[in-house]
Structure formats: structure tokens, C-alpha cells
C-alpha atoms as a PDB file:
ATOM      1  CA  MET A   1     -25.528  -7.374 -20.398  1.00  0.00           C
ATOM      2  CA  ARG A   2     -24.493  -5.002 -22.972  1.00  0.00           C
ATOM      3  CA  LEU A   3     -26.908  -2.560 -21.368  1.00  0.00           C
ATOM      4  CA  ASP A   4     -25.809  -3.950 -17.574  1.00  0.00           C
ATOM      5  CA  LEU A   5     -21.910  -3.843 -18.430  1.00  0.00           C
ATOM      6  CA  ASN A   6     -22.326  -0.240 -20.196  1.00  0.00           C
ATOM      7  CA  LEU A   7     -24.379   0.943 -16.237  1.00  0.00           C
ATOM      8  CA  VAL A   8     -21.983  -0.114 -14.701  1.00  0.00           C
ATOM      9  CA  SER A   9     -18.959   1.529 -16.694  1.00  0.00           C
ATOM     10  CA  VAL A  10     -21.216   4.453 -15.677  1.00  0.00           C
ATOM     11  CA  LEU A  11     -21.688   4.607 -12.410  1.00  0.00           C
ATOM     12  CA  GLU A  12     -17.464   3.502 -12.197  1.00  0.00           C
ATOM     13  CA  ALA A  13     -16.984   6.932 -14.082  1.00  0.00           C
ATOM     14  CA  ILE A  14     -19.106   9.296 -11.445  1.00  0.00           C
ATOM     15  CA  MET A  15     -17.563   7.556  -8.444  1.00  0.00           C
ATOM     16  CA  LEU A  16     -14.041   8.500  -9.675  1.00  0.00           C
ATOM     17  CA  GLU A  17     -14.786  11.415 -11.168  1.00  0.00           C
ATOM     18  CA  GLY A  18     -17.204  12.706  -8.112  1.00  0.00           C
ATOM     19  CA  ASN A  19     -19.239  14.469 -10.685  1.00  0.00           C
ATOM     20  CA  VAL A  20     -21.548  13.461 -13.200  1.00  0.00           C
ATOM     21  CA  THR A  21     -20.374  16.768 -16.280  1.00  0.00           C
ATOM     22  CA  ARG A  22     -16.929  15.172 -15.678  1.00  0.00           C
ATOM     23  CA  ALA A  23     -17.999  11.683 -16.060  1.00  0.00           C
ATOM     24  CA  ALA A  24     -19.558  12.074 -19.558  1.00  0.00           C
ATOM     25  CA  THR A  25     -15.720  13.850 -20.459  1.00  0.00           C
ATOM     26  CA  SER A  26     -13.969  10.512 -19.654  1.00  0.00           C
ATOM     27  CA  LEU A  27     -16.539   8.367 -20.969  1.00  0.00           C
ATOM     28  CA  GLY A  28     -16.818  10.081 -24.085  1.00  0.00           C
ATOM     29  CA  MET A  29     -20.298  10.611 -23.844  1.00  0.00           C
ATOM     30  CA  SER A  30     -23.305  13.436 -22.929  1.00  0.00           C
ATOM     31  CA  GLN A  31     -24.115  14.726 -20.118  1.00  0.00           C
ATOM     32  CA  PRO A  32     -27.823  13.636 -20.926  1.00  0.00           C
ATOM     33  CA  ALA A  33     -26.709  10.104 -22.018  1.00  0.00           C
ATOM     34  CA  VAL A  34     -25.203   9.502 -18.593  1.00  0.00           C
ATOM     35  CA  SER A  35     -27.766  11.028 -16.238  1.00  0.00           C
ATOM     36  CA  ASN A  36     -30.547   8.534 -18.445  1.00  0.00           C
ATOM     37  CA  ALA A  37     -27.843   5.791 -17.709  1.00  0.00           C
ATOM     38  CA  LEU A  38     -28.017   6.742 -13.595  1.00  0.00           C
ATOM     39  CA  ARG A  39     -31.598   6.558 -13.741  1.00  0.00           C
ATOM     40  CA  ARG A  40     -31.954   3.410 -15.413  1.00  0.00           C
ATOM     41  CA  ALA A  41     -28.855   1.992 -12.866  1.00  0.00           C
ATOM     42  CA  ARG A  42     -31.271   3.624 -10.291  1.00  0.00           C
ATOM     43  CA  ARG A  43     -34.228   1.909 -11.031  1.00  0.00           C
ATOM     44  CA  LEU A  44     -32.166  -1.319 -11.556  1.00  0.00           C
ATOM     45  CA  THR A  45     -30.808  -0.985  -8.309  1.00  0.00           C
ATOM     46  CA  GLY A  46     -33.992   0.542  -5.989  1.00  0.00           C
ATOM     47  CA  ASP A  47     -31.185   2.934  -4.926  1.00  0.00           C
ATOM     48  CA  GLU A  48     -30.542   6.487  -5.565  1.00  0.00           C
ATOM     49  CA  LEU A  49     -26.832   5.345  -6.072  1.00  0.00           C
ATOM     50  CA  PHE A  50     -25.489   9.145  -5.666  1.00  0.00           C
ATOM     51  CA  LEU A  51     -26.838  12.359  -4.236  1.00  0.00           C
ATOM     52  CA  ARG A  52     -25.747  15.726  -5.223  1.00  0.00           C
ATOM     53  CA  VAL A  53     -23.921  17.988  -2.900  1.00  0.00           C
ATOM     54  CA  ALA A  54     -22.297  21.268  -3.426  1.00  0.00           C
ATOM     55  CA  ASP A  55     -19.342  20.136  -5.774  1.00  0.00           C
ATOM     56  CA  GLY A  56     -21.080  17.537  -7.522  1.00  0.00           C
ATOM     57  CA  VAL A  57     -22.341  14.344  -6.018  1.00  0.00           C
ATOM     58  CA  ARG A  58     -21.710  11.835  -3.602  1.00  0.00           C
ATOM     59  CA  PRO A  59     -22.151   7.569  -3.709  1.00  0.00           C
ATOM     60  CA  THR A  60     -25.106   6.379  -0.931  1.00  0.00           C
ATOM     61  CA  SER A  61     -24.083   3.791   1.165  1.00  0.00           C
ATOM     62  CA  ARG A  62     -25.762   1.105  -1.359  1.00  0.00           C
ATOM     63  CA  MET A  63     -23.235   2.772  -4.131  1.00  0.00           C
ATOM     64  CA  ILE A  64     -20.491   2.038  -1.569  1.00  0.00           C
ATOM     65  CA  ALA A  65     -21.118  -1.552  -0.412  1.00  0.00           C
ATOM     66  CA  MET A  66     -21.259  -2.326  -4.304  1.00  0.00           C
ATOM     67  CA  TRP A  67     -18.085  -0.528  -5.603  1.00  0.00           C
ATOM     68  CA  PRO A  68     -14.945  -2.587  -4.465  1.00  0.00           C
ATOM     69  CA  GLU A  69     -16.573  -6.039  -6.427  1.00  0.00           C
ATOM     70  CA  LEU A  70     -17.898  -3.722  -9.245  1.00  0.00           C
ATOM     71  CA  HIS A  71     -14.276  -1.721  -9.808  1.00  0.00           C
ATOM     72  CA  ARG A  72     -12.659  -4.656  -9.526  1.00  0.00           C
ATOM     73  CA  SER A  73     -15.113  -6.818 -12.537  1.00  0.00           C
ATOM     74  CA  LEU A  74     -13.998  -4.131 -14.634  1.00  0.00           C
ATOM     75  CA  ALA A  75     -10.520  -4.046 -14.415  1.00  0.00           C
ATOM     76  CA  THR A  76     -10.796  -7.419 -14.765  1.00  0.00           C
ATOM     77  CA  ILE A  77     -12.708  -7.294 -18.128  1.00  0.00           C
ATOM     78  CA  ARG A  78     -10.489  -4.261 -19.456  1.00  0.00           C
ATOM     79  CA  THR A  79      -7.555  -6.538 -18.717  1.00  0.00           C
ATOM     80  CA  SER A  80      -8.546  -9.594 -20.525  1.00  0.00           C
ATOM     81  CA  ILE A  81      -9.557  -7.717 -23.534  1.00  0.00           C
ATOM     82  CA  ALA A  82      -6.496  -5.220 -23.857  1.00  0.00           C
ATOM     83  CA  SER A  83      -4.150  -7.427 -22.973  1.00  0.00           C
ATOM     84  CA  HIS A  84      -2.479  -7.747 -26.478  1.00  0.00           C
ATOM     85  CA  ARG A  85      -3.027  -4.263 -27.965  1.00  0.00           C
ATOM     86  CA  PHE A  86      -2.653  -1.686 -25.932  1.00  0.00           C
ATOM     87  CA  ASP A  87      -0.744   1.285 -27.148  1.00  0.00           C
ATOM     88  CA  VAL A  88       1.415   3.814 -25.278  1.00  0.00           C
ATOM     89  CA  ALA A  89       0.329   6.560 -28.071  1.00  0.00           C
ATOM     90  CA  SER A  90      -2.917   6.335 -28.177  1.00  0.00           C
ATOM     91  CA  ASN A  91      -3.504   5.139 -24.750  1.00  0.00           C
ATOM     92  CA  ALA A  92      -6.557   7.441 -23.166  1.00  0.00           C
ATOM     93  CA  THR A  93      -6.209   5.946 -19.131  1.00  0.00           C
ATOM     94  CA  THR A  94      -6.764   8.199 -16.499  1.00  0.00           C
ATOM     95  CA  PHE A  95      -3.995   7.142 -14.121  1.00  0.00           C
ATOM     96  CA  ARG A  96      -4.642   8.596 -10.170  1.00  0.00           C
ATOM     97  CA  LEU A  97      -1.955   8.170  -8.137  1.00  0.00           C
ATOM     98  CA  ALA A  98      -1.353   9.669  -4.849  1.00  0.00           C
ATOM     99  CA  ILE A  99       2.280  10.735  -3.610  1.00  0.00           C
ATOM    100  CA  THR A 100       3.922  12.061  -0.589  1.00  0.00           C
ATOM    101  CA  ASP A 101       4.744  15.452   0.366  1.00  0.00           C
ATOM    102  CA  SER A 102       8.673  14.882   0.857  1.00  0.00           C
ATOM    103  CA  ILE A 103       8.622  14.354  -3.121  1.00  0.00           C
ATOM    104  CA  ALA A 104       5.804  15.667  -4.770  1.00  0.00           C
ATOM    105  CA  ALA A 105       7.477  18.873  -5.345  1.00  0.00           C
ATOM    106  CA  GLU A 106      10.072  17.268  -7.985  1.00  0.00           C
ATOM    107  CA  ALA A 107       8.281  13.920  -8.896  1.00  0.00           C
ATOM    108  CA  VAL A 108       4.535  15.758 -10.324  1.00  0.00           C
ATOM    109  CA  CYS A 109       6.352  17.736 -12.550  1.00  0.00           C
ATOM    110  CA  ASN A 110       8.184  14.816 -14.174  1.00  0.00           C
ATOM    111  CA  ILE A 111       5.327  12.438 -14.218  1.00  0.00           C
ATOM    112  CA  THR A 112       3.310  14.588 -16.056  1.00  0.00           C
ATOM    113  CA  LEU A 113       5.815  15.609 -18.331  1.00  0.00           C
ATOM    114  CA  GLU A 114       7.148  12.080 -18.825  1.00  0.00           C
ATOM    115  CA  LEU A 115       3.836  10.782 -19.397  1.00  0.00           C
ATOM    116  CA  ARG A 116       2.874  13.823 -21.916  1.00  0.00           C
ATOM    117  CA  ALA A 117       5.707  12.828 -24.348  1.00  0.00           C
ATOM    118  CA  ALA A 118       4.272   9.354 -24.162  1.00  0.00           C
ATOM    119  CA  SER A 119       1.302   9.314 -24.675  1.00  0.00           C
ATOM    120  CA  PRO A 120      -0.461  12.654 -25.466  1.00  0.00           C
ATOM    121  CA  SER A 121      -4.421  11.280 -24.604  1.00  0.00           C
ATOM    122  CA  ALA A 122      -3.032   9.840 -21.574  1.00  0.00           C
ATOM    123  CA  ARG A 123      -4.654  11.916 -18.164  1.00  0.00           C
ATOM    124  CA  ILE A 124      -3.602  11.973 -14.465  1.00  0.00           C
ATOM    125  CA  ALA A 125      -4.707  13.141 -11.495  1.00  0.00           C
ATOM    126  CA  PHE A 126      -2.530  13.479  -8.402  1.00  0.00           C
ATOM    127  CA  ALA A 127      -3.649  13.158  -4.801  1.00  0.00           C
ATOM    128  CA  LEU A 128      -1.673  13.745  -1.461  1.00  0.00           C
ATOM    129  CA  HIS A 129      -0.615  10.810  -0.120  1.00  0.00           C
ATOM    130  CA  THR A 130      -1.147   9.593   3.800  1.00  0.00           C
ATOM    131  CA  ASN A 131      -1.297   6.366   4.482  1.00  0.00           C
ATOM    132  CA  ALA A 132      -4.374   5.849   5.600  1.00  0.00           C
ATOM    133  CA  ASP A 133      -6.449   7.711   3.184  1.00  0.00           C
ATOM    134  CA  SER A 134      -4.078   5.944  -0.443  1.00  0.00           C
ATOM    135  CA  ILE A 135      -4.319   2.309   1.124  1.00  0.00           C
ATOM    136  CA  GLU A 136      -8.261   3.338   1.144  1.00  0.00           C
ATOM    137  CA  GLY A 137      -7.853   4.742  -2.176  1.00  0.00           C
ATOM    138  CA  ILE A 138      -6.433   1.698  -3.426  1.00  0.00           C
ATOM    139  CA  GLU A 139      -8.668  -0.749  -1.968  1.00  0.00           C
ATOM    140  CA  ARG A 140     -12.178   0.984  -3.461  1.00  0.00           C
ATOM    141  CA  GLY A 141     -10.436   1.846  -6.584  1.00  0.00           C
ATOM    142  CA  THR A 142     -10.299   5.908  -6.630  1.00  0.00           C
ATOM    143  CA  LEU A 143      -6.403   5.486  -6.563  1.00  0.00           C
ATOM    144  CA  ASP A 144      -4.610   3.059  -8.935  1.00  0.00           C
ATOM    145  CA  CYS A 145      -1.328   3.176  -6.970  1.00  0.00           C
ATOM    146  CA  ALA A 146       0.375   5.738  -4.414  1.00  0.00           C
ATOM    147  CA  ILE A 147       3.914   6.650  -3.393  1.00  0.00           C
ATOM    148  CA  GLY A 148       4.947   6.680   0.896  1.00  0.00           C
ATOM    149  CA  MET A 149       6.596   5.129   3.652  1.00  0.00           C
ATOM    150  CA  PHE A 150       3.619   2.690   4.473  1.00  0.00           C
ATOM    151  CA  PRO A 151       4.699   1.489   7.602  1.00  0.00           C
ATOM    152  CA  ALA A 152       2.464  -1.028   7.365  1.00  0.00           C
ATOM    153  CA  LEU A 153      -0.001  -2.338   4.346  1.00  0.00           C
ATOM    154  CA  PRO A 154      -2.652  -5.592   3.981  1.00  0.00           C
ATOM    155  CA  ARG A 155      -2.032  -8.489   2.126  1.00  0.00           C
ATOM    156  CA  SER A 156      -4.376  -7.827  -0.617  1.00  0.00           C
ATOM    157  CA  LEU A 157      -2.120  -4.528  -2.192  1.00  0.00           C
ATOM    158  CA  ASN A 158       1.570  -5.458  -4.037  1.00  0.00           C
ATOM    159  CA  VAL A 159       4.653  -3.219  -3.138  1.00  0.00           C
ATOM    160  CA  GLN A 160       7.318  -1.958  -4.949  1.00  0.00           C
ATOM    161  CA  GLY A 161      10.514  -0.284  -3.577  1.00  0.00           C
ATOM    162  CA  LEU A 162      11.674   2.446  -5.177  1.00  0.00           C
ATOM    163  CA  PHE A 163      14.508   4.439  -3.106  1.00  0.00           C
ATOM    164  CA  THR A 164      15.683   4.917   0.513  1.00  0.00           C
ATOM    165  CA  ASP A 165      16.320   8.074   2.284  1.00  0.00           C
ATOM    166  CA  LYS A 166      17.391   9.520   5.840  1.00  0.00           C
ATOM    167  CA  TYR A 167      16.033  11.878   8.099  1.00  0.00           C
ATOM    168  CA  VAL A 168      17.860  15.085   9.749  1.00  0.00           C
ATOM    169  CA  CYS A 169      17.236  17.410  12.006  1.00  0.00           C
ATOM    170  CA  ILE A 170      17.334  20.847  10.535  1.00  0.00           C
ATOM    171  CA  MET A 171      17.466  24.651  12.266  1.00  0.00           C
ATOM    172  CA  LYS A 172      18.279  28.068  11.082  1.00  0.00           C
ATOM    173  CA  LYS A 173      21.831  28.913  10.918  1.00  0.00           C
ATOM    174  CA  GLY A 174      23.717  30.024  14.129  1.00  0.00           C
ATOM    175  CA  HIS A 175      21.074  27.939  15.641  1.00  0.00           C
ATOM    176  CA  ARG A 176      22.883  27.313  19.280  1.00  0.00           C
ATOM    177  CA  LEU A 177      22.618  23.286  19.054  1.00  0.00           C
ATOM    178  CA  SER A 178      24.632  23.365  15.334  1.00  0.00           C
ATOM    179  CA  ARG A 179      27.891  22.761  16.453  1.00  0.00           C
ATOM    180  CA  ASN A 180      26.923  20.349  18.594  1.00  0.00           C
ATOM    181  CA  MET A 181      23.618  18.420  19.683  1.00  0.00           C
ATOM    182  CA  SER A 182      22.676  15.460  22.518  1.00  0.00           C
ATOM    183  CA  LEU A 183      19.765  13.646  22.359  1.00  0.00           C
ATOM    184  CA  ASP A 184      18.305  15.379  25.593  1.00  0.00           C
ATOM    185  CA  ASP A 185      18.934  19.071  23.371  1.00  0.00           C
ATOM    186  CA  PHE A 186      17.103  17.436  20.773  1.00  0.00           C
ATOM    187  CA  VAL A 187      13.814  16.209  22.736  1.00  0.00           C
ATOM    188  CA  GLU A 188      13.883  19.261  24.398  1.00  0.00           C
ATOM    189  CA  SER A 189      13.816  21.867  22.012  1.00  0.00           C
ATOM    190  CA  PRO A 190      10.499  22.900  20.697  1.00  0.00           C
ATOM    191  CA  HIS A 191       9.773  21.460  17.086  1.00  0.00           C
ATOM    192  CA  VAL A 192       7.840  21.464  14.127  1.00  0.00           C
ATOM    193  CA  LEU A 193       6.060  18.334  13.133  1.00  0.00           C
ATOM    194  CA  VAL A 194       5.240  17.612   9.672  1.00  0.00           C
ATOM    195  CA  THR A 195       2.304  14.643   9.153  1.00  0.00           C
ATOM    196  CA  PRO A 196       0.057  15.276   6.147  1.00  0.00           C
ATOM    197  CA  SER A 197      -2.586  13.745   8.679  1.00  0.00           C
ATOM    198  CA  GLY A 198      -2.438  15.836  11.129  1.00  0.00           C
ATOM    199  CA  GLN A 199      -1.631  12.819  13.932  1.00  0.00           C
ATOM    200  CA  GLU A 200       0.561  13.952  16.681  1.00  0.00           C
ATOM    201  CA  LEU A 201       3.068  11.366  15.903  1.00  0.00           C
ATOM    202  CA  GLY A 202       5.469  11.309  12.875  1.00  0.00           C
ATOM    203  CA  VAL A 203       8.364   8.907  12.005  1.00  0.00           C
ATOM    204  CA  VAL A 204      10.418   9.815  14.104  1.00  0.00           C
ATOM    205  CA  ASP A 205       8.607   9.808  17.424  1.00  0.00           C
ATOM    206  CA  GLY A 206       8.232   6.601  16.620  1.00  0.00           C
ATOM    207  CA  TRP A 207      11.712   5.857  16.675  1.00  0.00           C
ATOM    208  CA  LEU A 208      12.157   8.195  19.903  1.00  0.00           C
ATOM    209  CA  SER A 209       9.596   6.552  21.574  1.00  0.00           C
ATOM    210  CA  LEU A 210      11.307   2.749  21.169  1.00  0.00           C
ATOM    211  CA  GLN A 211      13.661   4.613  23.716  1.00  0.00           C
ATOM    212  CA  GLY A 212      11.031   6.151  26.225  1.00  0.00           C
ATOM    213  CA  ARG A 213      11.254   9.639  24.531  1.00  0.00           C
ATOM    214  CA  ARG A 214       9.167  12.068  23.408  1.00  0.00           C
ATOM    215  CA  ARG A 215      10.369  15.150  21.793  1.00  0.00           C
ATOM    216  CA  ASN A 216       8.607  18.897  22.417  1.00  0.00           C
ATOM    217  CA  VAL A 217       6.696  19.726  19.560  1.00  0.00           C
ATOM    218  CA  ILE A 218       4.439  22.408  19.388  1.00  0.00           C
ATOM    219  CA  ALA A 219       3.801  22.944  15.930  1.00  0.00           C
ATOM    220  CA  ILE A 220       2.055  20.862  13.367  1.00  0.00           C
ATOM    221  CA  VAL A 221       2.306  21.513   9.846  1.00  0.00           C
ATOM    222  CA  ASN A 222       0.988  19.258   6.495  1.00  0.00           C
ATOM    223  CA  HIS A 223       3.928  20.268   4.359  1.00  0.00           C
ATOM    224  CA  PHE A 224       7.287  19.872   4.769  1.00  0.00           C
ATOM    225  CA  ALA A 225       8.332  23.298   2.869  1.00  0.00           C
ATOM    226  CA  ASP A 226       6.068  24.884   5.584  1.00  0.00           C
ATOM    227  CA  ALA A 227       8.291  23.233   7.949  1.00  0.00           C
ATOM    228  CA  MET A 228      11.775  24.633   6.423  1.00  0.00           C
ATOM    229  CA  LYS A 229       9.934  28.466   6.373  1.00  0.00           C
ATOM    230  CA  ILE A 230       9.096  28.293   9.780  1.00  0.00           C
ATOM    231  CA  VAL A 231      12.770  26.979  10.972  1.00  0.00           C
ATOM    232  CA  ALA A 232      14.629  29.663   8.531  1.00  0.00           C
ATOM    233  CA  GLU A 233      12.650  32.465  10.525  1.00  0.00           C
ATOM    234  CA  SER A 234      12.991  31.102  14.775  1.00  0.00           C
ATOM    235  CA  ASP A 235      15.027  28.728  16.889  1.00  0.00           C
ATOM    236  CA  LEU A 236      12.654  26.077  16.528  1.00  0.00           C
ATOM    237  CA  LEU A 237      13.569  22.559  15.341  1.00  0.00           C
ATOM    238  CA  SER A 238      11.857  20.154  12.664  1.00  0.00           C
ATOM    239  CA  CYS A 239      13.242  16.271  10.674  1.00  0.00           C
ATOM    240  CA  VAL A 240      12.907  16.185   7.166  1.00  0.00           C
ATOM    241  CA  PRO A 241      14.423  13.964   4.178  1.00  0.00           C
ATOM    242  CA  SER A 242      17.389  14.059   3.665  1.00  0.00           C
ATOM    243  CA  ARG A 243      16.910  14.593   0.241  1.00  0.00           C
ATOM    244  CA  PHE A 244      13.826  17.136   0.423  1.00  0.00           C
ATOM    245  CA  PHE A 245      16.467  19.021   2.226  1.00  0.00           C
ATOM    246  CA  THR A 246      19.333  19.193  -0.265  1.00  0.00           C
ATOM    247  CA  ARG A 247      17.015  19.848  -2.975  1.00  0.00           C
ATOM    248  CA  ASN A 248      14.849  22.645  -1.482  1.00  0.00           C
ATOM    249  CA  GLN A 249      17.272  24.302   1.393  1.00  0.00           C
ATOM    250  CA  ASN A 250      18.364  27.553  -0.843  1.00  0.00           C
ATOM    251  CA  VAL A 251      15.033  27.626  -2.783  1.00  0.00           C
ATOM    252  CA  LEU A 252      12.539  27.277  -0.261  1.00  0.00           C
ATOM    253  CA  VAL A 253      14.276  29.959   2.240  1.00  0.00           C
ATOM    254  CA  ALA A 254      17.062  32.475   2.049  1.00  0.00           C
ATOM    255  CA  PRO A 255      20.288  30.707   0.412  1.00  0.00           C
ATOM    256  CA  ASP A 256      22.544  28.810   3.423  1.00  0.00           C
ATOM    257  CA  HIS A 257      19.899  30.035   5.858  1.00  0.00           C
ATOM    258  CA  ILE A 258      19.424  27.061   7.439  1.00  0.00           C
ATOM    259  CA  VAL A 259      21.603  23.648   8.283  1.00  0.00           C
ATOM    260  CA  ALA A 260      20.823  19.977   8.583  1.00  0.00           C
ATOM    261  CA  ARG A 261      22.465  17.779  11.273  1.00  0.00           C
ATOM    262  CA  ASP A 262      22.055  14.379  11.300  1.00  0.00           C
ATOM    263  CA  LEU A 263      19.725  12.724  14.048  1.00  0.00           C
ATOM    264  CA  PRO A 264      21.455  12.705  17.719  1.00  0.00           C
ATOM    265  CA  PHE A 265      20.123   9.107  17.678  1.00  0.00           C
ATOM    266  CA  GLU A 266      20.034   5.713  16.322  1.00  0.00           C
ATOM    267  CA  ALA A 267      17.649   5.611  13.646  1.00  0.00           C
ATOM    268  CA  GLU A 268      16.777   3.711  10.120  1.00  0.00           C
ATOM    269  CA  ASN A 269      16.665   4.679   6.926  1.00  0.00           C
ATOM    270  CA  ILE A 270      13.634   5.377   5.520  1.00  0.00           C
ATOM    271  CA  LEU A 271      11.879   3.466   2.152  1.00  0.00           C
ATOM    272  CA  TYR A 272       9.268   4.925  -0.206  1.00  0.00           C
ATOM    273  CA  LYS A 273       7.641   2.441  -1.720  1.00  0.00           C
ATOM    274  CA  MET A 274       4.879   2.262  -4.256  1.00  0.00           C
ATOM    275  CA  VAL A 275       2.021   0.265  -3.857  1.00  0.00           C
ATOM    276  CA  TRP A 276      -1.077  -0.831  -6.093  1.00  0.00           C
ATOM    277  CA  HIS A 277      -3.819  -3.339  -5.862  1.00  0.00           C
ATOM    278  CA  GLU A 278      -3.841  -7.246  -6.736  1.00  0.00           C
ATOM    279  CA  ARG A 279      -6.796  -6.285  -9.379  1.00  0.00           C
ATOM    280  CA  ALA A 280      -4.905  -3.645 -11.630  1.00  0.00           C
ATOM    281  CA  HIS A 281      -1.393  -5.874 -11.311  1.00  0.00           C
ATOM    282  CA  ALA A 282      -1.271  -7.132 -14.800  1.00  0.00           C
ATOM    283  CA  HIS A 283      -3.078  -4.411 -16.504  1.00  0.00           C
ATOM    284  CA  PRO A 284      -0.934  -3.494 -19.649  1.00  0.00           C
ATOM    285  CA  ALA A 285      -1.321   0.053 -19.501  1.00  0.00           C
ATOM    286  CA  HIS A 286      -1.263   0.321 -15.820  1.00  0.00           C
ATOM    287  CA  GLN A 287       2.310  -2.018 -15.918  1.00  0.00           C
ATOM    288  CA  TRP A 288       3.601   0.283 -17.796  1.00  0.00           C
ATOM    289  CA  PHE A 289       2.038   3.657 -16.145  1.00  0.00           C
ATOM    290  CA  ARG A 290       4.517   2.025 -13.093  1.00  0.00           C
ATOM    291  CA  ALA A 291       7.051   2.169 -14.602  1.00  0.00           C
ATOM    292  CA  LEU A 292       7.658   5.617 -16.233  1.00  0.00           C
ATOM    293  CA  VAL A 293       6.372   6.207 -12.044  1.00  0.00           C
ATOM    294  CA  ALA A 294       9.269   4.529 -10.884  1.00  0.00           C
ATOM    295  CA  ASP A 295      11.742   5.379 -13.126  1.00  0.00           C
ATOM    296  CA  ALA A 296      10.980   9.126 -12.866  1.00  0.00           C
ATOM    297  CA  CYS A 297      11.477   8.888  -8.829  1.00  0.00           C
ATOM    298  CA  ARG A 298      14.529   6.739  -9.694  1.00  0.00           C
ATOM    299  CA  ALA A 299      15.779   8.984 -11.734  1.00  0.00           C
ATOM    300  CA  GLN A 300      15.583  12.061  -9.297  1.00  0.00           C
ATOM    301  CA  LYS A 301      17.543  10.374  -6.657  1.00  0.00           C
ATOM    302  CA  GLY A 302      20.533   9.235  -9.193  1.00  0.00           C
ATOM    303  CA  SER A 303      20.069   5.547  -7.809  1.00  0.00           C
ATOM    304  CA  GLY A 304      19.756   2.516 -10.191  1.00  0.00           C
ATOM    305  CA  ASN A 305      18.497   0.691  -7.872  1.00  0.00           C
ATOM    306  CA  ARG A 306      15.836  -1.406  -9.421  1.00  0.00           C
ATOM    307  CA  GLY A 307      12.910  -2.227  -6.426  1.00  0.00           C
ATOM    308  CA  THR A 308      11.605  -5.695  -6.485  1.00  0.00           C
ATOM    309  CA  VAL A 309       7.996  -6.304  -6.766  1.00  0.00           C
ATOM    310  CA  ARG A 310       6.280  -8.410  -3.435  1.00  0.00           C
ATOM    311  CA  ARG A 311       2.803  -9.109  -2.293  1.00  0.00           C
ATOM    312  CA  ALA A 312       2.563  -6.516   1.075  1.00  0.00           C
ATOM    313  CA  GLY A 313       2.256  -9.509   2.871  1.00  0.00           C
ATOM    314  CA  LYS A 314       5.479 -11.055   2.613  1.00  0.00           C
ATOM    315  CA  ALA A 315       9.355 -10.066   3.596  1.00  0.00           C
END
């Protein structure tokens, strides 16, 4: 049993790191010891488990099939053992967080600095959030939690509201629509759409579709910063979260070079959420980390509203 658990820990580390050398470092083992453990696991399962690629290794279909239960079981064991002896100062956990582009510029720095100050031995790895990738990563165990808007979530995930915002329409200062903009003006003007996934529909497009309208998107970019820079040098419009515009309008472009206007139609506020899997819900290190992340995000917003935790399938 001890040998099997050691092998499982090695497989988990390789899966999370995607690289045998990095897995050895995270485990505090030598690379030959990790390679030897992988060979024993291959003999035990009758499968290669990981195949070499240019930048490390990738899992086989057998390993991918094993992964959810393997990771869930280890998390359960660790929670049972660690629940009464978690110490923040000596915590050496590696946390993996996906975060949406619109708040990453501030949040990544703040979270890293706060984690470093409170838990010097801990590590953090950030990923760019998209709804599909974050949900898949959390369910597979390659992500611990994610922050985004998440229009729909599986029932297996927990969710906590962090803060609300709204979308605004941005344009170059002096744009012909800066004084007055109708819905017809809005949809007929050329737009830059921001979507990390590269899909051709965003949140604003979903709202427009309810009214049977569609805007004239002529460019799709992955980052709000790119959209703001394009808008500042053209006649194009774009829609960005108000908070992102306020905090970046004089950082990314020349001061007072762009302006923001309310959307010319009824739109909902957007709610930023933090999402994580049930298997990590009671783990003390992850509970502490999620609280740190939530506080860091709310501090940036300046809001004292504390979101409630619930299962994704419940209202």
C-alpha cells in the first residue's frame, strides 16, 4: 500500500507539472527516483501513462481516464491527514488558479505578493481563464480554482460570488458617437470583440441576441488591453468591463485618449465568481488560499460585499 501511494503521488505530480524534472522538484525527489517510480507504475498498469513531447510529457488516454479518481482519492487522503495540522507559515502547497483577463493585471500581482508574505514556502501557478478550459481543469484536477463570469456550471462545482461590474462601450475621444449613441448606431459601427477563447460571441452579443440584434464585429482579440489600444487609434468601438477601463485608461493609452459610454440597451450587471471542485472544498490549505484570493479581489474593488458559497447547481 505504501508503495502504491508513493507511485500515485508521483503520477499526480507528473500530471500536474507535465514534466518529469519539475515533478521531481515539487516532490523533493531526484529525477532518477521519479523516473524509476514511473517505470514501476508502467509495469503495474501495463501502459506507458506518459509520452515524451517537446516540452515534457503528455498523458496517454489510459492516464487521462485514471486521473479524476486518482487525484480525488489523494485529495481525500490529504484532507483527512492534514485537517488538524495546517500551518500557514510552513505551508508548501502549489496552488493553481485560472483568472480572467479583465482583472488579471491587478489580481495576479496582489495575490502573489500576499501569498508570498503569508506563506513563503507556497507556490502559485496562474493560467488564463476561459469558461471551458477552467471547468475542464477543475474537474480534471489540473486547476484548484478559477475566477471568471461562468454563465453555466456543472453541479459538481462550488461557486462564490466575488463582486459585480458592468460593461461599457469605449471609443476614441472625439468619436462621432461620443455624445449620443442609439442602439442602431451601436450595432452598425465596427467593433473589436474581446474573447479569450477566440469564439465569435461574447457576453454583450448574448444580450443583443435577446433583442434580435447583432453587432458588426470586424476584429476578435484575446485581451482587453489589445482592444483598448486598437480603439485609441481608430474609429472602432469595443465593450469592456467598467472596472478594467477605469483602472487602465491612462495606463495603456495616452491620458484621456479614449472615453466610455453606457451601453444603449438594457444590460445586466456581470458577476465575477470563484469556482472550485468539491474534492478541495474542505481542504484547509485550499480553504485558506481561496479566502486570500477572495479578499485580494474584493480589496481591489473596494467593496465590502462578501459572496456566499454554494453548489453550482443550486440557486
